[in-house]
Amino acid sequence: MKKFKKRIEKALEKSFWEIEVIDETEHWWNQEHWKVKRTKTAHDISLWIIFMANEENERYVDKVIAYTIFPKNRLSIENKVGELCMRKGNFDDNLWNFISEIEGWYMQ
């Protein structure tokens, strides 16, 4: 998973996002989360990047979801910006789509 997280971090950096905080919570579904901040803006714009644990095995991440506000639970779709599926498809294509969703939200 470290390799994938590094690739996500690099893709965010290329799109002018930097990690401010890396943390874990007591919620089983939140394996790790990052608070990222837009670097090329005069405004304070942040997102939460949540590494969602697999329901059957919490050691694995099913998906990575970007939110404008920290989610209340695993099923929360409120304030969702984008989603990166870690189980299906080509990782590079999925990562590109995830970054595109974040950039689309930012450009609104």
PDB file of N, CA and C in Angstrom:
ATOM      1  N   MET A   1       0.823  -1.199   0.000  1.00  0.00           N
ATOM      2  CA  MET A   1       0.000   0.000   0.000  1.00  0.00           C
ATOM      3  C   MET A   1       0.865   1.261   0.000  1.00  0.00           C
ATOM      4  N   LYS A   2       2.055   1.178   0.582  1.00  0.00           N
ATOM      5  CA  LYS A   2       2.923   2.354   0.633  1.00  0.00           C
ATOM      6  C   LYS A   2       3.244   2.886  -0.766  1.00  0.00           C
ATOM      7  N   LYS A   3       3.459   1.957  -1.706  1.00  0.00           N
ATOM      8  CA  LYS A   3       3.775   2.355  -3.076  1.00  0.00           C
ATOM      9  C   LYS A   3       2.599   3.119  -3.698  1.00  0.00           C
ATOM     10  N   PHE A   4       1.381   2.633  -3.470  1.00  0.00           N
ATOM     11  CA  PHE A   4       0.203   3.298  -4.015  1.00  0.00           C
ATOM     12  C   PHE A   4      -0.006   4.665  -3.368  1.00  0.00           C
ATOM     13  N   LYS A   5       0.205   4.755  -2.059  1.00  0.00           N
ATOM     14  CA  LYS A   5       0.060   6.042  -1.379  1.00  0.00           C
ATOM     15  C   LYS A   5       1.064   7.047  -1.913  1.00  0.00           C
ATOM     16  N   LYS A   6       2.275   6.597  -2.180  1.00  0.00           N
ATOM     17  CA  LYS A   6       3.302   7.491  -2.729  1.00  0.00           C
ATOM     18  C   LYS A   6       2.890   7.983  -4.115  1.00  0.00           C
ATOM     19  N   ARG A   7       2.296   7.112  -4.903  1.00  0.00           N
ATOM     20  CA  ARG A   7       1.846   7.505  -6.245  1.00  0.00           C
ATOM     21  C   ARG A   7       0.682   8.500  -6.168  1.00  0.00           C
ATOM     22  N   ILE A   8      -0.211   8.292  -5.197  1.00  0.00           N
ATOM     23  CA  ILE A   8      -1.317   9.234  -4.997  1.00  0.00           C
ATOM     24  C   ILE A   8      -0.756  10.591  -4.565  1.00  0.00           C
ATOM     25  N   GLU A   9       0.182  10.562  -3.634  1.00  0.00           N
ATOM     26  CA  GLU A   9       0.803  11.804  -3.166  1.00  0.00           C
ATOM     27  C   GLU A   9       1.470  12.559  -4.322  1.00  0.00           C
ATOM     28  N   LYS A  10       2.216  11.864  -5.155  1.00  0.00           N
ATOM     29  CA  LYS A  10       2.894  12.498  -6.300  1.00  0.00           C
ATOM     30  C   LYS A  10       1.891  13.090  -7.276  1.00  0.00           C
ATOM     31  N   ALA A  11       0.802  12.368  -7.534  1.00  0.00           N
ATOM     32  CA  ALA A  11      -0.229  12.880  -8.453  1.00  0.00           C
ATOM     33  C   ALA A  11      -0.884  14.137  -7.888  1.00  0.00           C
ATOM     34  N   LEU A  12      -1.133  14.150  -6.591  1.00  0.00           N
ATOM     35  CA  LEU A  12      -1.701  15.352  -5.954  1.00  0.00           C
ATOM     36  C   LEU A  12      -0.719  16.518  -6.040  1.00  0.00           C
ATOM     37  N   GLU A  13       0.557  16.251  -5.789  1.00  0.00           N
ATOM     38  CA  GLU A  13       1.573  17.306  -5.859  1.00  0.00           C
ATOM     39  C   GLU A  13       1.643  17.919  -7.249  1.00  0.00           C
ATOM     40  N   LYS A  14       1.554  17.083  -8.274  1.00  0.00           N
ATOM     41  CA  LYS A  14       1.588  17.583  -9.657  1.00  0.00           C
ATOM     42  C   LYS A  14       0.400  18.487  -9.951  1.00  0.00           C
ATOM     43  N   SER A  15      -0.684  18.295  -9.217  1.00  0.00           N
ATOM     44  CA  SER A  15      -1.890  19.116  -9.388  1.00  0.00           C
ATOM     45  C   SER A  15      -1.970  20.222  -8.331  1.00  0.00           C
ATOM     46  N   PHE A  16      -0.850  20.499  -7.679  1.00  0.00           N
ATOM     47  CA  PHE A  16      -0.733  21.607  -6.718  1.00  0.00           C
ATOM     48  C   PHE A  16      -1.507  21.387  -5.423  1.00  0.00           C
ATOM     49  N   TRP A  17      -1.472  20.157  -4.918  1.00  0.00           N
ATOM     50  CA  TRP A  17      -2.013  19.830  -3.603  1.00  0.00           C
ATOM     51  C   TRP A  17      -0.870  19.291  -2.764  1.00  0.00           C
ATOM     52  N   GLU A  18      -0.817  19.692  -1.490  1.00  0.00           N
ATOM     53  CA  GLU A  18       0.204  19.150  -0.606  1.00  0.00           C
ATOM     54  C   GLU A  18      -0.446  18.598   0.653  1.00  0.00           C
ATOM     55  N   ILE A  19       0.171  17.574   1.208  1.00  0.00           N
ATOM     56  CA  ILE A  19      -0.351  16.960   2.433  1.00  0.00           C
ATOM     57  C   ILE A  19       0.021  17.832   3.622  1.00  0.00           C
ATOM     58  N   GLU A  20      -0.985  18.208   4.394  1.00  0.00           N
ATOM     59  CA  GLU A  20      -0.772  18.964   5.631  1.00  0.00           C
ATOM     60  C   GLU A  20      -0.731  18.037   6.839  1.00  0.00           C
ATOM     61  N   VAL A  21      -1.610  17.030   6.843  1.00  0.00           N
ATOM     62  CA  VAL A  21      -1.748  16.125   7.989  1.00  0.00           C
ATOM     63  C   VAL A  21      -1.940  14.698   7.485  1.00  0.00           C
ATOM     64  N   ILE A  22      -1.257  13.759   8.132  1.00  0.00           N
ATOM     65  CA  ILE A  22      -1.503  12.331   7.925  1.00  0.00           C
ATOM     66  C   ILE A  22      -1.873  11.777   9.288  1.00  0.00           C
ATOM     67  N   ASP A  23      -3.028  11.099   9.361  1.00  0.00           N
ATOM     68  CA  ASP A  23      -3.500  10.653  10.666  1.00  0.00           C
ATOM     69  C   ASP A  23      -4.360   9.399  10.525  1.00  0.00           C
ATOM     70  N   GLU A  24      -4.655   8.797  11.656  1.00  0.00           N
ATOM     71  CA  GLU A  24      -5.578   7.665  11.751  1.00  0.00           C
ATOM     72  C   GLU A  24      -6.652   8.036  12.752  1.00  0.00           C
ATOM     73  N   THR A  25      -7.769   7.345  12.691  1.00  0.00           N
ATOM     74  CA  THR A  25      -8.839   7.590  13.663  1.00  0.00           C
ATOM     75  C   THR A  25      -9.228   6.287  14.335  1.00  0.00           C
ATOM     76  N   GLU A  26     -10.154   6.392  15.263  1.00  0.00           N
ATOM     77  CA  GLU A  26     -10.657   5.205  15.949  1.00  0.00           C
ATOM     78  C   GLU A  26     -11.696   4.461  15.115  1.00  0.00           C
ATOM     79  N   HIS A  27     -12.131   5.037  13.998  1.00  0.00           N
ATOM     80  CA  HIS A  27     -13.129   4.393  13.142  1.00  0.00           C
ATOM     81  C   HIS A  27     -12.486   3.250  12.360  1.00  0.00           C
ATOM     82  N   TRP A  28     -13.068   2.068  12.407  1.00  0.00           N
ATOM     83  CA  TRP A  28     -12.494   0.908  11.740  1.00  0.00           C
ATOM     84  C   TRP A  28     -12.384   1.111  10.234  1.00  0.00           C
ATOM     85  N   TRP A  29     -13.304   1.857   9.660  1.00  0.00           N
ATOM     86  CA  TRP A  29     -13.370   2.027   8.215  1.00  0.00           C
ATOM     87  C   TRP A  29     -12.347   3.030   7.683  1.00  0.00           C
ATOM     88  N   ASN A  30     -11.767   3.822   8.533  1.00  0.00           N
ATOM     89  CA  ASN A  30     -10.814   4.854   8.129  1.00  0.00           C
ATOM     90  C   ASN A  30      -9.406   4.374   8.472  1.00  0.00           C
ATOM     91  N   GLN A  31      -8.793   3.691   7.522  1.00  0.00           N
ATOM     92  CA  GLN A  31      -7.459   3.161   7.780  1.00  0.00           C
ATOM     93  C   GLN A  31      -6.443   4.291   7.979  1.00  0.00           C
ATOM     94  N   GLU A  32      -6.592   5.328   7.194  1.00  0.00           N
ATOM     95  CA  GLU A  32      -5.725   6.498   7.294  1.00  0.00           C
ATOM     96  C   GLU A  32      -6.425   7.633   6.571  1.00  0.00           C
ATOM     97  N   HIS A  33      -6.115   8.858   6.960  1.00  0.00           N
ATOM     98  CA  HIS A  33      -6.642  10.004   6.205  1.00  0.00           C
ATOM     99  C   HIS A  33      -5.582  11.087   6.115  1.00  0.00           C
ATOM    100  N   TRP A  34      -5.688  11.850   5.034  1.00  0.00           N
ATOM    101  CA  TRP A  34      -4.804  12.978   4.801  1.00  0.00           C
ATOM    102  C   TRP A  34      -5.648  14.235   4.697  1.00  0.00           C
ATOM    103  N   LYS A  35      -5.144  15.296   5.226  1.00  0.00           N
ATOM    104  CA  LYS A  35      -5.721  16.604   4.942  1.00  0.00           C
ATOM    105  C   LYS A  35      -4.761  17.249   3.943  1.00  0.00           C
ATOM    106  N   VAL A  36      -5.281  17.586   2.761  1.00  0.00           N
ATOM    107  CA  VAL A  36      -4.444  18.186   1.732  1.00  0.00           C
ATOM    108  C   VAL A  36      -4.900  19.621   1.473  1.00  0.00           C
ATOM    109  N   LYS A  37      -3.947  20.445   1.080  1.00  0.00           N
ATOM    110  CA  LYS A  37      -4.210  21.856   0.864  1.00  0.00           C
ATOM    111  C   LYS A  37      -3.743  22.248  -0.535  1.00  0.00           C
ATOM    112  N   ARG A  38      -4.533  23.076  -1.179  1.00  0.00           N
ATOM    113  CA  ARG A  38      -4.174  23.594  -2.497  1.00  0.00           C
ATOM    114  C   ARG A  38      -3.033  24.591  -2.328  1.00  0.00           C
ATOM    115  N   THR A  39      -1.966  24.449  -3.111  1.00  0.00           N
ATOM    116  CA  THR A  39      -0.794  25.307  -2.941  1.00  0.00           C
ATOM    117  C   THR A  39      -0.807  26.533  -3.843  1.00  0.00           C
ATOM    118  N   LYS A  40      -1.404  26.452  -4.984  1.00  0.00           N
ATOM    119  CA  LYS A  40      -1.382  27.565  -5.951  1.00  0.00           C
ATOM    120  C   LYS A  40      -2.681  28.354  -5.915  1.00  0.00           C
ATOM    121  N   THR A  41      -3.001  28.924  -4.753  1.00  0.00           N
ATOM    122  CA  THR A  41      -4.217  29.718  -4.624  1.00  0.00           C
ATOM    123  C   THR A  41      -4.068  30.715  -3.487  1.00  0.00           C
ATOM    124  N   ALA A  42      -4.791  31.792  -3.596  1.00  0.00           N
ATOM    125  CA  ALA A  42      -4.779  32.801  -2.533  1.00  0.00           C
ATOM    126  C   ALA A  42      -5.748  32.432  -1.415  1.00  0.00           C
ATOM    127  N   HIS A  43      -6.607  31.464  -1.678  1.00  0.00           N
ATOM    128  CA  HIS A  43      -7.618  31.044  -0.704  1.00  0.00           C
ATOM    129  C   HIS A  43      -7.148  29.797   0.037  1.00  0.00           C
ATOM    130  N   ASP A  44      -7.684  29.584   1.217  1.00  0.00           N
ATOM    131  CA  ASP A  44      -7.376  28.394   2.008  1.00  0.00           C
ATOM    132  C   ASP A  44      -8.339  27.285   1.600  1.00  0.00           C
ATOM    133  N   ILE A  45      -7.916  26.422   0.695  1.00  0.00           N
ATOM    134  CA  ILE A  45      -8.761  25.352   0.183  1.00  0.00           C
ATOM    135  C   ILE A  45      -8.153  24.008   0.569  1.00  0.00           C
ATOM    136  N   SER A  46      -8.933  23.206   1.290  1.00  0.00           N
ATOM    137  CA  SER A  46      -8.455  21.901   1.762  1.00  0.00           C
ATOM    138  C   SER A  46      -9.452  20.804   1.422  1.00  0.00           C
ATOM    139  N   LEU A  47      -8.936  19.597   1.344  1.00  0.00           N
ATOM    140  CA  LEU A  47      -9.749  18.398   1.160  1.00  0.00           C
ATOM    141  C   LEU A  47      -9.272  17.328   2.134  1.00  0.00           C
ATOM    142  N   TRP A  48     -10.153  16.397   2.421  1.00  0.00           N
ATOM    143  CA  TRP A  48      -9.817  15.208   3.203  1.00  0.00           C
ATOM    144  C   TRP A  48      -9.714  14.035   2.244  1.00  0.00           C
ATOM    145  N   ILE A  49      -8.607  13.326   2.280  1.00  0.00           N
ATOM    146  CA  ILE A  49      -8.414  12.116   1.490  1.00  0.00           C
ATOM    147  C   ILE A  49      -8.493  10.948   2.470  1.00  0.00           C
ATOM    148  N   ILE A  50      -9.527  10.108   2.312  1.00  0.00           N
ATOM    149  CA  ILE A  50      -9.798   9.024   3.253  1.00  0.00           C
ATOM    150  C   ILE A  50      -9.485   7.674   2.598  1.00  0.00           C
ATOM    151  N   PHE A  51      -8.649   6.875   3.244  1.00  0.00           N
ATOM    152  CA  PHE A  51      -8.330   5.527   2.788  1.00  0.00           C
ATOM    153  C   PHE A  51      -9.299   4.572   3.482  1.00  0.00           C
ATOM    154  N   MET A  52     -10.313   4.143   2.737  1.00  0.00           N
ATOM    155  CA  MET A  52     -11.404   3.335   3.278  1.00  0.00           C
ATOM    156  C   MET A  52     -11.019   1.862   3.370  1.00  0.00           C
ATOM    157  N   ALA A  53     -11.115   1.315   4.576  1.00  0.00           N
ATOM    158  CA  ALA A  53     -10.771  -0.080   4.811  1.00  0.00           C
ATOM    159  C   ALA A  53     -11.818  -1.018   4.222  1.00  0.00           C
ATOM    160  N   ASN A  54     -11.363  -2.183   3.822  1.00  0.00           N
ATOM    161  CA  ASN A  54     -12.226  -3.248   3.340  1.00  0.00           C
ATOM    162  C   ASN A  54     -13.078  -3.752   4.496  1.00  0.00           C
ATOM    163  N   GLU A  55     -14.350  -3.986   4.248  1.00  0.00           N
ATOM    164  CA  GLU A  55     -15.262  -4.433   5.310  1.00  0.00           C
ATOM    165  C   GLU A  55     -14.886  -5.799   5.870  1.00  0.00           C
ATOM    166  N   GLU A  56     -14.347  -6.683   5.042  1.00  0.00           N
ATOM    167  CA  GLU A  56     -14.020  -8.034   5.478  1.00  0.00           C
ATOM    168  C   GLU A  56     -12.618  -8.153   6.077  1.00  0.00           C
ATOM    169  N   ASN A  57     -11.721  -7.290   5.643  1.00  0.00           N
ATOM    170  CA  ASN A  57     -10.349  -7.316   6.151  1.00  0.00           C
ATOM    171  C   ASN A  57      -9.835  -5.884   6.234  1.00  0.00           C
ATOM    172  N   GLU A  58      -9.800  -5.341   7.420  1.00  0.00           N
ATOM    173  CA  GLU A  58      -9.470  -3.931   7.635  1.00  0.00           C
ATOM    174  C   GLU A  58      -8.035  -3.571   7.257  1.00  0.00           C
ATOM    175  N   ARG A  59      -7.197  -4.565   7.013  1.00  0.00           N
ATOM    176  CA  ARG A  59      -5.816  -4.282   6.601  1.00  0.00           C
ATOM    177  C   ARG A  59      -5.739  -3.778   5.170  1.00  0.00           C
ATOM    178  N   TYR A  60      -6.776  -4.044   4.377  1.00  0.00           N
ATOM    179  CA  TYR A  60      -6.785  -3.663   2.969  1.00  0.00           C
ATOM    180  C   TYR A  60      -7.654  -2.434   2.740  1.00  0.00           C
ATOM    181  N   VAL A  61      -7.281  -1.670   1.731  1.00  0.00           N
ATOM    182  CA  VAL A  61      -8.041  -0.475   1.358  1.00  0.00           C
ATOM    183  C   VAL A  61      -8.827  -0.785   0.090  1.00  0.00           C
ATOM    184  N   ASP A  62     -10.140  -0.545   0.136  1.00  0.00           N
ATOM    185  CA  ASP A  62     -11.007  -0.743  -1.025  1.00  0.00           C
ATOM    186  C   ASP A  62     -10.992   0.453  -1.962  1.00  0.00           C
ATOM    187  N   LYS A  63     -11.009   1.631  -1.337  1.00  0.00           N
ATOM    188  CA  LYS A  63     -11.110   2.850  -2.127  1.00  0.00           C
ATOM    189  C   LYS A  63     -10.540   4.020  -1.345  1.00  0.00           C
ATOM    190  N   VAL A  64     -10.234   5.045  -2.096  1.00  0.00           N
ATOM    191  CA  VAL A  64      -9.744   6.303  -1.532  1.00  0.00           C
ATOM    192  C   VAL A  64     -10.750   7.358  -1.970  1.00  0.00           C
ATOM    193  N   ILE A  65     -11.275   8.110  -1.005  1.00  0.00           N
ATOM    194  CA  ILE A  65     -12.315   9.086  -1.324  1.00  0.00           C
ATOM    195  C   ILE A  65     -11.885  10.467  -0.853  1.00  0.00           C
ATOM    196  N   ALA A  66     -12.123  11.466  -1.697  1.00  0.00           N
ATOM    197  CA  ALA A  66     -11.850  12.864  -1.346  1.00  0.00           C
ATOM    198  C   ALA A  66     -13.155  13.534  -0.932  1.00  0.00           C
ATOM    199  N   TYR A  67     -13.108  14.238   0.180  1.00  0.00           N
ATOM    200  CA  TYR A  67     -14.258  14.964   0.716  1.00  0.00           C
ATOM    201  C   TYR A  67     -13.870  16.399   1.034  1.00  0.00           C
ATOM    202  N   THR A  68     -14.850  17.287   0.983  1.00  0.00           N
ATOM    203  CA  THR A  68     -14.612  18.665   1.410  1.00  0.00           C
ATOM    204  C   THR A  68     -14.689  18.802   2.927  1.00  0.00           C
ATOM    205  N   ILE A  69     -15.459  17.931   3.565  1.00  0.00           N
ATOM    206  CA  ILE A  69     -15.611  17.892   5.021  1.00  0.00           C
ATOM    207  C   ILE A  69     -15.419  16.440   5.451  1.00  0.00           C
ATOM    208  N   PHE A  70     -14.755  16.233   6.583  1.00  0.00           N
ATOM    209  CA  PHE A  70     -14.507  14.871   7.057  1.00  0.00           C
ATOM    210  C   PHE A  70     -15.830  14.108   7.173  1.00  0.00           C
ATOM    211  N   PRO A  71     -15.915  12.895   6.604  1.00  0.00           N
ATOM    212  CA  PRO A  71     -17.184  12.149   6.592  1.00  0.00           C
ATOM    213  C   PRO A  71     -17.588  11.643   7.981  1.00  0.00           C
ATOM    214  N   LYS A  72     -18.894  11.538   8.169  1.00  0.00           N
ATOM    215  CA  LYS A  72     -19.431  11.055   9.447  1.00  0.00           C
ATOM    216  C   LYS A  72     -19.370   9.540   9.572  1.00  0.00           C
ATOM    217  N   ASN A  73     -19.423   8.856   8.422  1.00  0.00           N
ATOM    218  CA  ASN A  73     -19.378   7.396   8.446  1.00  0.00           C
ATOM    219  C   ASN A  73     -18.893   6.865   7.104  1.00  0.00           C
ATOM    220  N   ARG A  74     -18.726   5.552   7.028  1.00  0.00           N
ATOM    221  CA  ARG A  74     -18.198   4.891   5.836  1.00  0.00           C
ATOM    222  C   ARG A  74     -19.068   5.093   4.598  1.00  0.00           C
ATOM    223  N   LEU A  75     -20.357   5.207   4.788  1.00  0.00           N
ATOM    224  CA  LEU A  75     -21.285   5.295   3.667  1.00  0.00           C
ATOM    225  C   LEU A  75     -21.601   6.727   3.245  1.00  0.00           C
ATOM    226  N   SER A  76     -20.989   7.686   3.875  1.00  0.00           N
ATOM    227  CA  SER A  76     -21.279   9.089   3.601  1.00  0.00           C
ATOM    228  C   SER A  76     -20.922   9.469   2.162  1.00  0.00           C
ATOM    229  N   ILE A  77     -21.900  10.062   1.476  1.00  0.00           N
ATOM    230  CA  ILE A  77     -21.647  10.596   0.135  1.00  0.00           C
ATOM    231  C   ILE A  77     -21.742  12.124   0.134  1.00  0.00           C
ATOM    232  N   GLU A  78     -22.195  12.657   1.250  1.00  0.00           N
ATOM    233  CA  GLU A  78     -22.291  14.105   1.396  1.00  0.00           C
ATOM    234  C   GLU A  78     -20.889  14.708   1.351  1.00  0.00           C
ATOM    235  N   ASN A  79     -20.713  15.751   0.574  1.00  0.00           N
ATOM    236  CA  ASN A  79     -19.448  16.477   0.436  1.00  0.00           C
ATOM    237  C   ASN A  79     -18.349  15.670  -0.254  1.00  0.00           C
ATOM    238  N   LYS A  80     -18.740  14.629  -0.977  1.00  0.00           N
ATOM    239  CA  LYS A  80     -17.781  13.790  -1.706  1.00  0.00           C
ATOM    240  C   LYS A  80     -17.354  14.499  -2.988  1.00  0.00           C
ATOM    241  N   VAL A  81     -16.060  14.484  -3.240  1.00  0.00           N
ATOM    242  CA  VAL A  81     -15.499  15.141  -4.428  1.00  0.00           C
ATOM    243  C   VAL A  81     -15.087  14.124  -5.486  1.00  0.00           C
ATOM    244  N   GLY A  82     -14.457  13.037  -5.066  1.00  0.00           N
ATOM    245  CA  GLY A  82     -13.986  12.032  -6.017  1.00  0.00           C
ATOM    246  C   GLY A  82     -13.677  10.723  -5.322  1.00  0.00           C
ATOM    247  N   GLU A  83     -13.548   9.656  -6.121  1.00  0.00           N
ATOM    248  CA  GLU A  83     -13.292   8.332  -5.565  1.00  0.00           C
ATOM    249  C   GLU A  83     -12.307   7.565  -6.432  1.00  0.00           C
ATOM    250  N   LEU A  84     -11.357   6.926  -5.778  1.00  0.00           N
ATOM    251  CA  LEU A  84     -10.355   6.098  -6.444  1.00  0.00           C
ATOM    252  C   LEU A  84     -10.582   4.652  -6.023  1.00  0.00           C
ATOM    253  N   CYS A  85     -11.001   3.817  -6.955  1.00  0.00           N
ATOM    254  CA  CYS A  85     -11.220   2.401  -6.682  1.00  0.00           C
ATOM    255  C   CYS A  85      -9.872   1.691  -6.671  1.00  0.00           C
ATOM    256  N   MET A  86      -9.623   0.933  -5.611  1.00  0.00           N
ATOM    257  CA  MET A  86      -8.344   0.230  -5.469  1.00  0.00           C
ATOM    258  C   MET A  86      -8.453  -1.243  -5.855  1.00  0.00           C
ATOM    259  N   ARG A  87      -9.652  -1.696  -6.230  1.00  0.00           N
ATOM    260  CA  ARG A  87      -9.843  -3.120  -6.476  1.00  0.00           C
ATOM    261  C   ARG A  87     -10.104  -3.465  -7.937  1.00  0.00           C
ATOM    262  N   LYS A  88     -10.633  -2.536  -8.706  1.00  0.00           N
ATOM    263  CA  LYS A  88     -11.026  -2.846 -10.079  1.00  0.00           C
ATOM    264  C   LYS A  88     -10.310  -1.921 -11.047  1.00  0.00           C
ATOM    265  N   GLY A  89     -10.025  -2.448 -12.223  1.00  0.00           N
ATOM    266  CA  GLY A  89      -9.469  -1.620 -13.283  1.00  0.00           C
ATOM    267  C   GLY A  89      -7.979  -1.350 -13.139  1.00  0.00           C
ATOM    268  N   ASN A  90      -7.501  -0.514 -14.002  1.00  0.00           N
ATOM    269  CA  ASN A  90      -6.098  -0.128 -14.053  1.00  0.00           C
ATOM    270  C   ASN A  90      -5.842   1.008 -13.063  1.00  0.00           C
ATOM    271  N   PHE A  91      -4.871   0.840 -12.172  1.00  0.00           N
ATOM    272  CA  PHE A  91      -4.623   1.849 -11.144  1.00  0.00           C
ATOM    273  C   PHE A  91      -4.290   3.209 -11.757  1.00  0.00           C
ATOM    274  N   ASP A  92      -3.448   3.248 -12.780  1.00  0.00           N
ATOM    275  CA  ASP A  92      -3.069   4.527 -13.385  1.00  0.00           C
ATOM    276  C   ASP A  92      -4.275   5.263 -13.959  1.00  0.00           C
ATOM    277  N   ASP A  93      -5.148   4.529 -14.641  1.00  0.00           N
ATOM    278  CA  ASP A  93      -6.369   5.140 -15.185  1.00  0.00           C
ATOM    279  C   ASP A  93      -7.276   5.631 -14.054  1.00  0.00           C
ATOM    280  N   ASN A  94      -7.434   4.801 -13.023  1.00  0.00           N
ATOM    281  CA  ASN A  94      -8.276   5.186 -11.889  1.00  0.00           C
ATOM    282  C   ASN A  94      -7.712   6.402 -11.161  1.00  0.00           C
ATOM    283  N   LEU A  95      -6.392   6.440 -11.004  1.00  0.00           N
ATOM    284  CA  LEU A  95      -5.756   7.575 -10.341  1.00  0.00           C
ATOM    285  C   LEU A  95      -5.956   8.849 -11.163  1.00  0.00           C
ATOM    286  N   TRP A  96      -5.779   8.751 -12.469  1.00  0.00           N
ATOM    287  CA  TRP A  96      -5.970   9.919 -13.334  1.00  0.00           C
ATOM    288  C   TRP A  96      -7.414  10.432 -13.219  1.00  0.00           C
ATOM    289  N   ASN A  97      -8.379   9.519 -13.200  1.00  0.00           N
ATOM    290  CA  ASN A  97      -9.791   9.915 -13.057  1.00  0.00           C
ATOM    291  C   ASN A  97     -10.039  10.573 -11.707  1.00  0.00           C
ATOM    292  N   PHE A  98      -9.444  10.050 -10.648  1.00  0.00           N
ATOM    293  CA  PHE A  98      -9.581  10.606  -9.303  1.00  0.00           C
ATOM    294  C   PHE A  98      -9.048  12.041  -9.254  1.00  0.00           C
ATOM    295  N   ILE A  99      -7.868  12.246  -9.788  1.00  0.00           N
ATOM    296  CA  ILE A  99      -7.280  13.594  -9.814  1.00  0.00           C
ATOM    297  C   ILE A  99      -8.132  14.524 -10.678  1.00  0.00           C
ATOM    298  N   SER A 100      -8.661  14.015 -11.769  1.00  0.00           N
ATOM    299  CA  SER A 100      -9.533  14.818 -12.639  1.00  0.00           C
ATOM    300  C   SER A 100     -10.808  15.226 -11.914  1.00  0.00           C
ATOM    301  N   GLU A 101     -11.370  14.327 -11.106  1.00  0.00           N
ATOM    302  CA  GLU A 101     -12.567  14.677 -10.314  1.00  0.00           C
ATOM    303  C   GLU A 101     -12.243  15.783  -9.311  1.00  0.00           C
ATOM    304  N   ILE A 102     -11.091  15.671  -8.670  1.00  0.00           N
ATOM    305  CA  ILE A 102     -10.683  16.705  -7.703  1.00  0.00           C
ATOM    306  C   ILE A 102     -10.483  18.036  -8.420  1.00  0.00           C
ATOM    307  N   GLU A 103      -9.804  18.010  -9.551  1.00  0.00           N
ATOM    308  CA  GLU A 103      -9.568  19.254 -10.295  1.00  0.00           C
ATOM    309  C   GLU A 103     -10.864  19.837 -10.839  1.00  0.00           C
ATOM    310  N   GLY A 104     -11.785  18.973 -11.278  1.00  0.00           N
ATOM    311  CA  GLY A 104     -13.094  19.448 -11.736  1.00  0.00           C
ATOM    312  C   GLY A 104     -13.849  20.146 -10.628  1.00  0.00           C
ATOM    313  N   TRP A 105     -13.794  19.582  -9.423  1.00  0.00           N
ATOM    314  CA  TRP A 105     -14.435  20.220  -8.270  1.00  0.00           C
ATOM    315  C   TRP A 105     -13.774  21.562  -7.983  1.00  0.00           C
ATOM    316  N   TYR A 106     -12.452  21.595  -8.002  1.00  0.00           N
ATOM    317  CA  TYR A 106     -11.720  22.824  -7.692  1.00  0.00           C
ATOM    318  C   TYR A 106     -12.044  23.935  -8.701  1.00  0.00           C
ATOM    319  N   MET A 107     -12.209  23.596  -9.952  1.00  0.00           N
ATOM    320  CA  MET A 107     -12.431  24.599 -11.007  1.00  0.00           C
ATOM    321  C   MET A 107     -13.847  25.151 -11.009  1.00  0.00           C
ATOM    322  N   GLN A 108     -14.773  24.528 -10.266  1.00  0.00           N
ATOM    323  CA  GLN A 108     -16.164  25.003 -10.245  1.00  0.00           C
ATOM    324  C   GLN A 108     -16.257  26.394  -9.679  1.00  0.00           C
TER     325      GLN A 108
END
